[in-house]
Amino acid sequence: MEAVNLLKEVNKIIELYTYKKIGFLNGNVLSIVQVENRTLDFHVHENSDELFYVIEGGFYLETEGKKTRVNRGEFIIVPKGIKHRPVVNELTKFLMIELSGTLNKENSGNQYEE
């Protein structure tokens, strides 16, 4: 066991949109990523909830009919079966937690590597 500093780890990532797995928890993957000026297509995770924790920056999470701002130090959980998309205008650093296999090339803008 060792402690992980999220900010230090995400700052080690040189390129935008490069997902780095930093932990595993009961079948869930913890990934960090830096994103800027990117809007993904609407998509649904049928079998798993998804958590976005904002380490730095902020973004909007859009669902059908609702747009929610999530800022530094906040997180939002998207329940399984909810159509959603992240809208990121400014440089934002995330921790994402989801069931292994939930995040893939199709719903990550073709950037996620298994």
C-alpha atoms as a PDB file:
ATOM      1  CA  MET A   1       0.000   0.000   0.000  1.00  0.00           C
ATOM      2  CA  GLU A   2       1.126   3.510  -0.688  1.00  0.00           C
ATOM      3  CA  ALA A   3      -0.513   6.912  -0.741  1.00  0.00           C
ATOM      4  CA  VAL A   4      -1.172   8.528  -4.130  1.00  0.00           C
ATOM      5  CA  ASN A   5      -1.103  12.288  -4.652  1.00  0.00           C
ATOM      6  CA  LEU A   6      -3.652  12.879  -7.435  1.00  0.00           C
ATOM      7  CA  LEU A   7      -2.309  16.286  -8.429  1.00  0.00           C
ATOM      8  CA  LYS A   8       1.297  15.061  -8.663  1.00  0.00           C
ATOM      9  CA  GLU A   9       0.259  12.048 -10.730  1.00  0.00           C
ATOM     10  CA  VAL A  10      -1.937  13.965 -13.166  1.00  0.00           C
ATOM     11  CA  ASN A  11       0.772  16.625 -13.590  1.00  0.00           C
ATOM     12  CA  LYS A  12       3.178  13.893 -14.748  1.00  0.00           C
ATOM     13  CA  ILE A  13       0.978  13.314 -17.802  1.00  0.00           C
ATOM     14  CA  ILE A  14       2.528  15.278 -20.665  1.00  0.00           C
ATOM     15  CA  GLU A  15      -0.143  15.026 -23.368  1.00  0.00           C
ATOM     16  CA  LEU A  16      -3.802  15.873 -23.185  1.00  0.00           C
ATOM     17  CA  TYR A  17      -6.334  13.032 -23.432  1.00  0.00           C
ATOM     18  CA  THR A  18      -3.867  10.405 -22.218  1.00  0.00           C
ATOM     19  CA  TYR A  19      -5.548   8.241 -19.598  1.00  0.00           C
ATOM     20  CA  LYS A  20      -3.330   6.830 -16.853  1.00  0.00           C
ATOM     21  CA  LYS A  21      -4.602   4.037 -14.632  1.00  0.00           C
ATOM     22  CA  ILE A  22      -3.560   4.743 -11.059  1.00  0.00           C
ATOM     23  CA  GLY A  23      -5.479   2.108  -9.116  1.00  0.00           C
ATOM     24  CA  PHE A  24      -7.981  -0.701  -9.012  1.00  0.00           C
ATOM     25  CA  LEU A  25     -10.747  -1.123  -6.449  1.00  0.00           C
ATOM     26  CA  ASN A  26     -13.210  -4.030  -6.337  1.00  0.00           C
ATOM     27  CA  GLY A  27     -13.395  -4.359 -10.114  1.00  0.00           C
ATOM     28  CA  ASN A  28     -13.271  -0.603 -10.672  1.00  0.00           C
ATOM     29  CA  VAL A  29     -10.517   1.282 -12.479  1.00  0.00           C
ATOM     30  CA  LEU A  30      -9.256   4.653 -11.230  1.00  0.00           C
ATOM     31  CA  SER A  31      -7.903   6.725 -14.130  1.00  0.00           C
ATOM     32  CA  ILE A  32      -6.570  10.254 -14.361  1.00  0.00           C
ATOM     33  CA  VAL A  33      -6.539  12.458 -17.446  1.00  0.00           C
ATOM     34  CA  GLN A  34      -6.055  16.078 -18.538  1.00  0.00           C
ATOM     35  CA  VAL A  35      -8.613  17.449 -21.003  1.00  0.00           C
ATOM     36  CA  GLU A  36      -9.097  20.810 -22.726  1.00  0.00           C
ATOM     37  CA  ASN A  37     -11.476  22.075 -25.440  1.00  0.00           C
ATOM     38  CA  ARG A  38     -13.235  18.777 -25.938  1.00  0.00           C
ATOM     39  CA  THR A  39     -16.846  17.651 -26.115  1.00  0.00           C
ATOM     40  CA  LEU A  40     -17.508  13.950 -26.425  1.00  0.00           C
ATOM     41  CA  ASP A  41     -20.551  12.468 -28.124  1.00  0.00           C
ATOM     42  CA  PHE A  42     -23.510  11.516 -25.961  1.00  0.00           C
ATOM     43  CA  HIS A  43     -23.146   7.939 -24.760  1.00  0.00           C
ATOM     44  CA  VAL A  44     -24.546   5.509 -22.191  1.00  0.00           C
ATOM     45  CA  HIS A  45     -22.912   3.017 -19.863  1.00  0.00           C
ATOM     46  CA  GLU A  46     -25.519   0.270 -19.486  1.00  0.00           C
ATOM     47  CA  ASN A  47     -23.769  -1.756 -16.786  1.00  0.00           C
ATOM     48  CA  SER A  48     -21.936   0.718 -14.563  1.00  0.00           C
ATOM     49  CA  ASP A  49     -22.086   4.086 -12.866  1.00  0.00           C
ATOM     50  CA  GLU A  50     -19.269   6.529 -13.657  1.00  0.00           C
ATOM     51  CA  LEU A  51     -17.633   9.052 -11.323  1.00  0.00           C
ATOM     52  CA  PHE A  52     -15.846  12.239 -12.428  1.00  0.00           C
ATOM     53  CA  TYR A  53     -13.789  14.004  -9.725  1.00  0.00           C
ATOM     54  CA  VAL A  54     -12.280  17.364 -10.714  1.00  0.00           C
ATOM     55  CA  ILE A  55      -8.713  17.735  -9.441  1.00  0.00           C
ATOM     56  CA  GLU A  56      -8.221  21.129 -11.160  1.00  0.00           C
ATOM     57  CA  GLY A  57     -10.364  23.204 -13.516  1.00  0.00           C
ATOM     58  CA  GLY A  58     -14.017  22.543 -14.192  1.00  0.00           C
ATOM     59  CA  PHE A  59     -16.411  21.198 -16.792  1.00  0.00           C
ATOM     60  CA  TYR A  60     -20.049  20.712 -17.663  1.00  0.00           C
ATOM     61  CA  LEU A  61     -21.747  17.350 -17.608  1.00  0.00           C
ATOM     62  CA  GLU A  62     -24.656  17.287 -20.025  1.00  0.00           C
ATOM     63  CA  THR A  63     -27.503  14.841 -19.837  1.00  0.00           C
ATOM     64  CA  GLU A  64     -30.653  14.995 -21.894  1.00  0.00           C
ATOM     65  CA  GLY A  65     -32.250  18.238 -20.765  1.00  0.00           C
ATOM     66  CA  LYS A  66     -29.723  19.204 -18.057  1.00  0.00           C
ATOM     67  CA  LYS A  67     -26.267  20.795 -17.902  1.00  0.00           C
ATOM     68  CA  THR A  68     -24.399  20.642 -14.577  1.00  0.00           C
ATOM     69  CA  ARG A  69     -21.192  22.546 -13.763  1.00  0.00           C
ATOM     70  CA  VAL A  70     -18.615  20.563 -11.769  1.00  0.00           C
ATOM     71  CA  ASN A  71     -15.680  22.503 -10.286  1.00  0.00           C
ATOM     72  CA  ARG A  72     -12.328  21.758  -8.629  1.00  0.00           C
ATOM     73  CA  GLY A  73     -12.744  19.561  -5.575  1.00  0.00           C
ATOM     74  CA  GLU A  74     -16.189  18.352  -6.652  1.00  0.00           C
ATOM     75  CA  PHE A  75     -17.366  15.089  -8.123  1.00  0.00           C
ATOM     76  CA  ILE A  76     -20.418  13.900  -9.975  1.00  0.00           C
ATOM     77  CA  ILE A  77     -21.709  10.372 -10.424  1.00  0.00           C
ATOM     78  CA  VAL A  78     -23.495   9.421 -13.630  1.00  0.00           C
ATOM     79  CA  PRO A  79     -25.824   6.501 -12.893  1.00  0.00           C
ATOM     80  CA  LYS A  80     -25.753   3.592 -15.314  1.00  0.00           C
ATOM     81  CA  GLY A  81     -28.226   3.923 -18.163  1.00  0.00           C
ATOM     82  CA  ILE A  82     -28.095   7.762 -18.277  1.00  0.00           C
ATOM     83  CA  LYS A  83     -27.142   9.313 -21.624  1.00  0.00           C
ATOM     84  CA  HIS A  84     -24.425  11.891 -20.960  1.00  0.00           C
ATOM     85  CA  ARG A  85     -21.380  13.706 -22.268  1.00  0.00           C
ATOM     86  CA  PRO A  86     -18.639  15.808 -20.694  1.00  0.00           C
ATOM     87  CA  VAL A  87     -18.122  19.304 -22.140  1.00  0.00           C
ATOM     88  CA  VAL A  88     -14.660  20.609 -21.263  1.00  0.00           C
ATOM     89  CA  ASN A  89     -13.698  24.131 -22.342  1.00  0.00           C
ATOM     90  CA  GLU A  90     -10.804  24.915 -19.982  1.00  0.00           C
ATOM     91  CA  LEU A  91      -7.869  22.725 -18.967  1.00  0.00           C
ATOM     92  CA  THR A  92      -9.353  20.264 -16.497  1.00  0.00           C
ATOM     93  CA  LYS A  93      -7.685  17.432 -14.617  1.00  0.00           C
ATOM     94  CA  PHE A  94      -9.888  14.487 -13.672  1.00  0.00           C
ATOM     95  CA  LEU A  95      -9.987  11.355 -11.616  1.00  0.00           C
ATOM     96  CA  MET A  96     -12.481   8.938 -13.122  1.00  0.00           C
ATOM     97  CA  ILE A  97     -13.773   5.801 -11.451  1.00  0.00           C
ATOM     98  CA  GLU A  98     -15.746   3.169 -13.310  1.00  0.00           C
ATOM     99  CA  LEU A  99     -16.190  -0.573 -13.560  1.00  0.00           C
ATOM    100  CA  SER A 100     -13.376  -2.153 -15.537  1.00  0.00           C
ATOM    101  CA  GLY A 101     -14.344  -2.232 -19.222  1.00  0.00           C
ATOM    102  CA  THR A 102     -16.754   0.738 -18.969  1.00  0.00           C
ATOM    103  CA  LEU A 103     -14.336   3.281 -20.445  1.00  0.00           C
ATOM    104  CA  ASN A 104     -13.199   2.319 -23.926  1.00  0.00           C
ATOM    105  CA  LYS A 105     -12.132   3.831 -27.254  1.00  0.00           C
ATOM    106  CA  GLU A 106     -15.757   4.346 -28.369  1.00  0.00           C
ATOM    107  CA  ASN A 107     -16.724   6.573 -25.432  1.00  0.00           C
ATOM    108  CA  SER A 108     -13.390   8.285 -24.774  1.00  0.00           C
ATOM    109  CA  GLY A 109     -12.832   9.985 -28.123  1.00  0.00           C
ATOM    110  CA  ASN A 110     -10.676   7.025 -29.234  1.00  0.00           C
ATOM    111  CA  GLN A 111      -8.058   7.779 -26.555  1.00  0.00           C
ATOM    112  CA  TYR A 112      -8.455   5.123 -23.856  1.00  0.00           C
ATOM    113  CA  GLU A 113      -6.052   2.180 -23.878  1.00  0.00           C
ATOM    114  CA  GLU A 114      -6.845  -1.125 -22.172  1.00  0.00           C
END
